[in-house]
Every structure is written in C-alpha cells, then in structure tokens.
Amino acid sequence: MSKLLREVCSYGALEVITEADTHGKSPKIKLRGLFTEADAKNGNGRRYPKKLIEREVKKLSKVVSERRLLGELDHPSDEVVHLANASHLVTDLQMDGSRVIGEIEILSTPAGKVLEELVKSGVKVGVSSRGVGTLTHVVDEDVYEVNDNLNMITWDMVSEPSCYGAFPGVVAENVLAESKTEKEVSHITQERMYIEAVRRRLEG
C-alpha cells in the first residue's frame, strides 16, 4: 500500500535572490539550492534511486513551466496541495548529477508572508519533498529503498529536513514518519505556535 513520503535534506546554504517585479513594486524573494539528493540514505533512512528522481523531475517540468507547482508552509497530512496554505511557487528544477537543484518564489499569500518574515529574520527553514509511494527494506544496507511507483507531488518549506545538506539559503527534504515521538510532537507544536505568532503580527 502506498504511503505519504515526506523527505527533508538537512540544513545547507540556500541562496536568497531578490528581484523587482514587473511593476517595479516590492521585490520578489526567491530561494535556490539543494532540493533532493538521490542514491543516498537520508535522515529518515530512505533512499531514492536516481532514475526515479530524474523521471519525476522530468514529469513535473511542464507543471513548473506553467507556474502551477505550488508548495505549502509545513507539510500537510495528505498529498493534496491546499491553496489556502500555499506559501511559494516552484519556478525551476534541474538535475545536477544525483542532486536536484531547485528554485522557489515566495508568494504574497498569508503563508507566504510568514515564510518571507522567517527568511528575512534569518530563520533556517528547509525544503522538503512530498510524494506517495511504497518502500522496500534492503536489510544488508539497513535502508528503505523507494519503489518505482513513486509519485512526487511538490516541495514544501519546513523546519527540519531529512536529506543531508538541503536548505535553499534555506533547503531540505521531509518524510512523514508512521509515528511521532513525544519530542517530535513537542517540536511541531512549538513551531506552529511561533508561526501563528508571526502571522498575527503581520495581520496586526
């Protein structure tokens, strides 16, 4: 049975790019860096074969070119991209060897404003992939290999990635664990309280 796969790389250097919009108004902020690394065991003990990542990047390239690949601030609990929580638009995906280098544009949505404030404040956030698929346990390598039925959905912005070295100025990859420890639940609660506080400040 397919499960929701959310993978985060770890903190790395995401390049922050600022450019004026077409009307010369407030500048758009973009983040560029490592989104996913194939053929390497990530922090969730999973490994994505390069051929699958190449296939998914190629599949999503049309969606990217049409400016339709949206991402959310924090992973939702399902595979649906919820427009009400969209914070950014993925504007570029390129393979660089076994690595996916991507670019996002922060949107002027409520969630995007929170993300923008976090970035401007120097908070490290990660880029985390979201997809569905099944896993096979490779016992002798102690790794869970992602199977051919992988369906990559998007890349979200999160606080803790699972792939080593991914933060676009901030970047990462994130996987949904089947269960969360008390520590993880506490961390998520604190993170959401902080985001809500920033949101209230922006709305005030």
C-alpha atoms as a PDB file:
ATOM      1  CA  MET A   1       0.000   0.000   0.000  1.00  0.00           C
ATOM      2  CA  SER A   2       1.349   3.430  -0.935  1.00  0.00           C
ATOM      3  CA  LYS A   3       2.194   5.831   1.873  1.00  0.00           C
ATOM      4  CA  LEU A   4       2.837   9.543   2.072  1.00  0.00           C
ATOM      5  CA  LEU A   5       6.581  10.186   1.745  1.00  0.00           C
ATOM      6  CA  ARG A   6       7.908  13.468   3.055  1.00  0.00           C
ATOM      7  CA  GLU A   7      11.667  13.858   2.908  1.00  0.00           C
ATOM      8  CA  VAL A   8      13.859  16.686   4.081  1.00  0.00           C
ATOM      9  CA  CYS A   9      17.554  17.082   3.393  1.00  0.00           C
ATOM     10  CA  SER A  10      19.485  18.835   6.199  1.00  0.00           C
ATOM     11  CA  TYR A  11      20.424  22.451   6.721  1.00  0.00           C
ATOM     12  CA  GLY A  12      22.618  23.785   3.959  1.00  0.00           C
ATOM     13  CA  ALA A  13      23.134  27.058   2.159  1.00  0.00           C
ATOM     14  CA  LEU A  14      20.149  28.283   0.186  1.00  0.00           C
ATOM     15  CA  GLU A  15      20.850  31.283  -1.948  1.00  0.00           C
ATOM     16  CA  VAL A  16      18.406  34.121  -1.344  1.00  0.00           C
ATOM     17  CA  ILE A  17      17.632  36.041  -4.529  1.00  0.00           C
ATOM     18  CA  THR A  18      15.713  39.337  -4.582  1.00  0.00           C
ATOM     19  CA  GLU A  19      14.407  40.823  -7.796  1.00  0.00           C
ATOM     20  CA  ALA A  20      11.973  43.622  -8.706  1.00  0.00           C
ATOM     21  CA  ASP A  21       8.609  42.516 -10.031  1.00  0.00           C
ATOM     22  CA  THR A  22       7.254  43.539 -13.440  1.00  0.00           C
ATOM     23  CA  HIS A  23       5.588  46.647 -11.992  1.00  0.00           C
ATOM     24  CA  GLY A  24       8.618  47.846 -10.066  1.00  0.00           C
ATOM     25  CA  LYS A  25       6.831  47.352  -6.747  1.00  0.00           C
ATOM     26  CA  SER A  26       8.078  45.378  -3.749  1.00  0.00           C
ATOM     27  CA  PRO A  27      10.803  42.918  -4.753  1.00  0.00           C
ATOM     28  CA  LYS A  28      10.112  39.209  -5.041  1.00  0.00           C
ATOM     29  CA  ILE A  29      12.213  36.908  -2.898  1.00  0.00           C
ATOM     30  CA  LYS A  30      13.451  33.642  -4.357  1.00  0.00           C
ATOM     31  CA  LEU A  31      15.372  30.803  -2.733  1.00  0.00           C
ATOM     32  CA  ARG A  32      17.642  28.475  -4.670  1.00  0.00           C
ATOM     33  CA  GLY A  33      19.569  25.406  -3.602  1.00  0.00           C
ATOM     34  CA  LEU A  34      19.512  21.646  -2.998  1.00  0.00           C
ATOM     35  CA  PHE A  35      16.025  20.152  -3.020  1.00  0.00           C
ATOM     36  CA  THR A  36      16.701  16.395  -3.136  1.00  0.00           C
ATOM     37  CA  GLU A  37      19.676  14.052  -3.311  1.00  0.00           C
ATOM     38  CA  ALA A  38      19.266  10.661  -4.995  1.00  0.00           C
ATOM     39  CA  ASP A  39      21.150   7.405  -4.311  1.00  0.00           C
ATOM     40  CA  ALA A  40      21.920   8.475  -0.732  1.00  0.00           C
ATOM     41  CA  LYS A  41      20.366   7.360   2.559  1.00  0.00           C
ATOM     42  CA  ASN A  42      18.574  10.332   4.082  1.00  0.00           C
ATOM     43  CA  GLY A  43      17.747  11.201   7.674  1.00  0.00           C
ATOM     44  CA  ASN A  44      14.588   9.107   7.503  1.00  0.00           C
ATOM     45  CA  GLY A  45      16.548   6.019   6.465  1.00  0.00           C
ATOM     46  CA  ARG A  46      15.198   6.149   2.912  1.00  0.00           C
ATOM     47  CA  ARG A  47      16.941   6.172  -0.424  1.00  0.00           C
ATOM     48  CA  TYR A  48      15.590   7.498  -3.718  1.00  0.00           C
ATOM     49  CA  PRO A  49      17.083   5.878  -6.839  1.00  0.00           C
ATOM     50  CA  LYS A  50      18.409   8.453  -9.283  1.00  0.00           C
ATOM     51  CA  LYS A  51      16.337   7.072 -12.186  1.00  0.00           C
ATOM     52  CA  LEU A  52      13.136   7.736 -10.213  1.00  0.00           C
ATOM     53  CA  ILE A  53      14.142  11.269  -9.260  1.00  0.00           C
ATOM     54  CA  GLU A  54      15.099  12.036 -12.881  1.00  0.00           C
ATOM     55  CA  ARG A  55      11.734  10.682 -14.039  1.00  0.00           C
ATOM     56  CA  GLU A  56       9.780  12.764 -11.513  1.00  0.00           C
ATOM     57  CA  VAL A  57      11.710  15.967 -12.257  1.00  0.00           C
ATOM     58  CA  LYS A  58      11.026  15.471 -15.963  1.00  0.00           C
ATOM     59  CA  LYS A  59       7.340  14.809 -15.258  1.00  0.00           C
ATOM     60  CA  LEU A  60       6.997  17.960 -13.164  1.00  0.00           C
ATOM     61  CA  SER A  61       8.950  20.209 -15.554  1.00  0.00           C
ATOM     62  CA  LYS A  62       5.780  21.009 -17.545  1.00  0.00           C
ATOM     63  CA  VAL A  63       3.904  21.929 -14.362  1.00  0.00           C
ATOM     64  CA  VAL A  64       6.822  24.165 -13.334  1.00  0.00           C
ATOM     65  CA  SER A  65       6.891  25.887 -16.732  1.00  0.00           C
ATOM     66  CA  GLU A  66       3.164  26.617 -16.405  1.00  0.00           C
ATOM     67  CA  ARG A  67       3.705  28.131 -12.930  1.00  0.00           C
ATOM     68  CA  ARG A  68       1.421  25.577 -11.291  1.00  0.00           C
ATOM     69  CA  LEU A  69       3.745  23.727  -8.891  1.00  0.00           C
ATOM     70  CA  LEU A  70       2.780  25.242  -5.545  1.00  0.00           C
ATOM     71  CA  GLY A  71       4.161  24.302  -2.142  1.00  0.00           C
ATOM     72  CA  GLU A  72       2.980  24.820   1.421  1.00  0.00           C
ATOM     73  CA  LEU A  73       4.438  26.141   4.649  1.00  0.00           C
ATOM     74  CA  ASP A  74       4.799  22.922   6.696  1.00  0.00           C
ATOM     75  CA  HIS A  75       3.747  19.524   5.385  1.00  0.00           C
ATOM     76  CA  PRO A  76       0.025  18.780   5.397  1.00  0.00           C
ATOM     77  CA  SER A  77      -1.166  15.305   6.408  1.00  0.00           C
ATOM     78  CA  ASP A  78      -2.184  14.336   2.865  1.00  0.00           C
ATOM     79  CA  GLU A  79      -0.986  14.582  -0.720  1.00  0.00           C
ATOM     80  CA  VAL A  80      -3.275  17.472  -1.683  1.00  0.00           C
ATOM     81  CA  VAL A  81      -1.730  20.906  -2.222  1.00  0.00           C
ATOM     82  CA  HIS A  82      -4.032  23.196  -0.252  1.00  0.00           C
ATOM     83  CA  LEU A  83      -4.270  26.559  -1.994  1.00  0.00           C
ATOM     84  CA  ALA A  84      -5.214  28.327   1.251  1.00  0.00           C
ATOM     85  CA  ASN A  85      -1.830  27.383   2.722  1.00  0.00           C
ATOM     86  CA  ALA A  86       0.298  27.920  -0.405  1.00  0.00           C
ATOM     87  CA  SER A  87       3.447  29.853   0.509  1.00  0.00           C
ATOM     88  CA  HIS A  88       5.606  29.543  -2.596  1.00  0.00           C
ATOM     89  CA  LEU A  89       5.815  28.571  -6.230  1.00  0.00           C
ATOM     90  CA  VAL A  90       8.490  26.199  -7.548  1.00  0.00           C
ATOM     91  CA  THR A  91       9.974  28.021 -10.551  1.00  0.00           C
ATOM     92  CA  ASP A  92      12.891  25.762 -11.520  1.00  0.00           C
ATOM     93  CA  LEU A  93      14.013  22.130 -11.139  1.00  0.00           C
ATOM     94  CA  GLN A  94      17.290  20.864 -12.587  1.00  0.00           C
ATOM     95  CA  MET A  95      19.287  17.648 -12.186  1.00  0.00           C
ATOM     96  CA  ASP A  96      22.944  18.179 -11.233  1.00  0.00           C
ATOM     97  CA  GLY A  97      24.372  14.673 -11.138  1.00  0.00           C
ATOM     98  CA  SER A  98      22.372  12.904  -8.424  1.00  0.00           C
ATOM     99  CA  ARG A  99      21.152  16.179  -6.905  1.00  0.00           C
ATOM    100  CA  VAL A 100      18.023  18.177  -7.660  1.00  0.00           C
ATOM    101  CA  ILE A 101      18.714  21.909  -7.623  1.00  0.00           C
ATOM    102  CA  GLY A 102      15.550  23.951  -7.431  1.00  0.00           C
ATOM    103  CA  GLU A 103      14.258  27.456  -7.060  1.00  0.00           C
ATOM    104  CA  ILE A 104      11.147  28.789  -5.344  1.00  0.00           C
ATOM    105  CA  GLU A 105       9.441  32.165  -5.447  1.00  0.00           C
ATOM    106  CA  ILE A 106       7.797  33.296  -2.201  1.00  0.00           C
ATOM    107  CA  LEU A 107       4.175  34.314  -2.762  1.00  0.00           C
ATOM    108  CA  SER A 108       2.275  37.287  -1.323  1.00  0.00           C
ATOM    109  CA  THR A 109      -0.183  34.966   0.418  1.00  0.00           C
ATOM    110  CA  PRO A 110      -0.702  34.807   4.215  1.00  0.00           C
ATOM    111  CA  ALA A 111       1.524  31.732   4.441  1.00  0.00           C
ATOM    112  CA  GLY A 112       3.993  33.324   2.016  1.00  0.00           C
ATOM    113  CA  LYS A 113       4.210  36.440   4.184  1.00  0.00           C
ATOM    114  CA  VAL A 114       5.055  34.257   7.184  1.00  0.00           C
ATOM    115  CA  LEU A 115       7.747  32.470   5.154  1.00  0.00           C
ATOM    116  CA  GLU A 116       9.137  35.801   3.939  1.00  0.00           C
ATOM    117  CA  GLU A 117       9.316  37.111   7.502  1.00  0.00           C
ATOM    118  CA  LEU A 118      11.126  33.964   8.655  1.00  0.00           C
ATOM    119  CA  VAL A 119      13.681  34.254   5.828  1.00  0.00           C
ATOM    120  CA  LYS A 120      14.249  37.970   6.452  1.00  0.00           C
ATOM    121  CA  SER A 121      14.774  37.214  10.149  1.00  0.00           C
ATOM    122  CA  GLY A 122      17.489  34.699   9.298  1.00  0.00           C
ATOM    123  CA  VAL A 123      15.488  31.653  10.393  1.00  0.00           C
ATOM    124  CA  LYS A 124      16.730  28.470   8.747  1.00  0.00           C
ATOM    125  CA  VAL A 125      13.895  26.694   7.016  1.00  0.00           C
ATOM    126  CA  GLY A 126      14.192  23.612   4.858  1.00  0.00           C
ATOM    127  CA  VAL A 127      12.859  22.481   1.512  1.00  0.00           C
ATOM    128  CA  SER A 128      11.149  19.126   1.848  1.00  0.00           C
ATOM    129  CA  SER A 129       9.814  16.868  -0.875  1.00  0.00           C
ATOM    130  CA  ARG A 130       6.315  15.405  -0.655  1.00  0.00           C
ATOM    131  CA  GLY A 131       5.217  12.332  -2.593  1.00  0.00           C
ATOM    132  CA  VAL A 132       3.495   8.971  -2.347  1.00  0.00           C
ATOM    133  CA  GLY A 133       4.870   5.502  -2.947  1.00  0.00           C
ATOM    134  CA  THR A 134       5.967   2.256  -1.335  1.00  0.00           C
ATOM    135  CA  LEU A 135       9.242   1.158   0.209  1.00  0.00           C
ATOM    136  CA  THR A 136      11.404  -1.976   0.174  1.00  0.00           C
ATOM    137  CA  HIS A 137      13.707  -2.682   3.112  1.00  0.00           C
ATOM    138  CA  VAL A 138      17.234  -3.534   1.950  1.00  0.00           C
ATOM    139  CA  VAL A 139      18.357  -5.460   5.040  1.00  0.00           C
ATOM    140  CA  ASP A 140      22.105  -5.683   4.363  1.00  0.00           C
ATOM    141  CA  GLU A 141      22.297  -1.880   3.844  1.00  0.00           C
ATOM    142  CA  ASP A 142      19.696  -1.028   6.502  1.00  0.00           C
ATOM    143  CA  VAL A 143      17.936   1.354   4.149  1.00  0.00           C
ATOM    144  CA  TYR A 144      14.382   1.648   2.794  1.00  0.00           C
ATOM    145  CA  GLU A 145      14.503   1.893  -0.994  1.00  0.00           C
ATOM    146  CA  VAL A 146      11.739   3.891  -2.643  1.00  0.00           C
ATOM    147  CA  ASN A 147       9.954   1.795  -5.267  1.00  0.00           C
ATOM    148  CA  ASP A 148       9.077   2.536  -8.902  1.00  0.00           C
ATOM    149  CA  ASN A 149       5.541   3.659  -8.008  1.00  0.00           C
ATOM    150  CA  LEU A 150       6.880   6.921  -6.559  1.00  0.00           C
ATOM    151  CA  ASN A 151       4.695   9.919  -7.412  1.00  0.00           C
ATOM    152  CA  MET A 152       6.374  13.186  -6.440  1.00  0.00           C
ATOM    153  CA  ILE A 153       3.849  15.900  -5.614  1.00  0.00           C
ATOM    154  CA  THR A 154       5.777  19.034  -4.636  1.00  0.00           C
ATOM    155  CA  TRP A 155       8.358  20.571  -2.294  1.00  0.00           C
ATOM    156  CA  ASP A 156       7.190  22.250   0.911  1.00  0.00           C
ATOM    157  CA  MET A 157       9.016  24.573   3.303  1.00  0.00           C
ATOM    158  CA  VAL A 158       9.644  23.035   6.734  1.00  0.00           C
ATOM    159  CA  SER A 159      11.743  23.500   9.848  1.00  0.00           C
ATOM    160  CA  GLU A 160      13.692  20.235   9.718  1.00  0.00           C
ATOM    161  CA  PRO A 161      14.769  18.422   6.509  1.00  0.00           C
ATOM    162  CA  SER A 162      15.943  14.782   6.170  1.00  0.00           C
ATOM    163  CA  CYS A 163      18.333  14.814   3.193  1.00  0.00           C
ATOM    164  CA  TYR A 164      21.817  15.904   4.266  1.00  0.00           C
ATOM    165  CA  GLY A 165      22.710  19.418   3.055  1.00  0.00           C
ATOM    166  CA  ALA A 166      19.466  20.872   1.758  1.00  0.00           C
ATOM    167  CA  PHE A 167      18.300  24.317   2.738  1.00  0.00           C
ATOM    168  CA  PRO A 168      17.816  26.911  -0.079  1.00  0.00           C
ATOM    169  CA  GLY A 169      19.609  29.751   1.689  1.00  0.00           C
ATOM    170  CA  VAL A 170      17.215  27.515   3.208  1.00  0.00           C
ATOM    171  CA  VAL A 171      16.688  23.914   1.697  1.00  0.00           C
ATOM    172  CA  ALA A 172      15.610  20.355   2.623  1.00  0.00           C
ATOM    173  CA  GLU A 173      13.600  17.167   2.121  1.00  0.00           C
ATOM    174  CA  ASN A 174      10.990  15.742   4.575  1.00  0.00           C
ATOM    175  CA  VAL A 175       9.345  12.306   5.122  1.00  0.00           C
ATOM    176  CA  LEU A 176       6.229  11.544   7.118  1.00  0.00           C
ATOM    177  CA  ALA A 177       7.062   9.057   9.843  1.00  0.00           C
ATOM    178  CA  GLU A 178       4.404   6.491  10.663  1.00  0.00           C
ATOM    179  CA  SER A 179       4.534   7.631  14.272  1.00  0.00           C
ATOM    180  CA  LYS A 180       5.972  10.661  16.030  1.00  0.00           C
ATOM    181  CA  THR A 181       7.857  10.588  19.304  1.00  0.00           C
ATOM    182  CA  GLU A 182       6.887  12.903  22.137  1.00  0.00           C
ATOM    183  CA  LYS A 183       9.874  15.093  21.305  1.00  0.00           C
ATOM    184  CA  GLU A 184       8.792  15.448  17.667  1.00  0.00           C
ATOM    185  CA  VAL A 185       5.221  16.324  18.668  1.00  0.00           C
ATOM    186  CA  SER A 186       6.507  18.947  21.100  1.00  0.00           C
ATOM    187  CA  HIS A 187       8.770  20.446  18.429  1.00  0.00           C
ATOM    188  CA  ILE A 188       5.931  20.659  15.905  1.00  0.00           C
ATOM    189  CA  THR A 189       3.645  22.290  18.484  1.00  0.00           C
ATOM    190  CA  GLN A 190       6.264  24.921  19.352  1.00  0.00           C
ATOM    191  CA  GLU A 191       6.913  25.593  15.665  1.00  0.00           C
ATOM    192  CA  ARG A 192       3.226  26.128  14.907  1.00  0.00           C
ATOM    193  CA  MET A 193       2.856  28.448  17.902  1.00  0.00           C
ATOM    194  CA  TYR A 194       5.757  30.530  16.569  1.00  0.00           C
ATOM    195  CA  ILE A 195       4.334  30.655  13.043  1.00  0.00           C
ATOM    196  CA  GLU A 196       0.921  31.677  14.414  1.00  0.00           C
ATOM    197  CA  ALA A 197       2.563  34.460  16.443  1.00  0.00           C
ATOM    198  CA  VAL A 198       4.334  35.766  13.320  1.00  0.00           C
ATOM    199  CA  ARG A 199       1.083  35.543  11.347  1.00  0.00           C
ATOM    200  CA  ARG A 200      -0.800  37.557  13.982  1.00  0.00           C
ATOM    201  CA  ARG A 201       1.940  40.206  13.978  1.00  0.00           C
ATOM    202  CA  LEU A 202       1.752  40.542  10.197  1.00  0.00           C
ATOM    203  CA  GLU A 203      -2.062  40.748  10.219  1.00  0.00           C
ATOM    204  CA  GLY A 204      -1.959  43.339  13.019  1.00  0.00           C
END
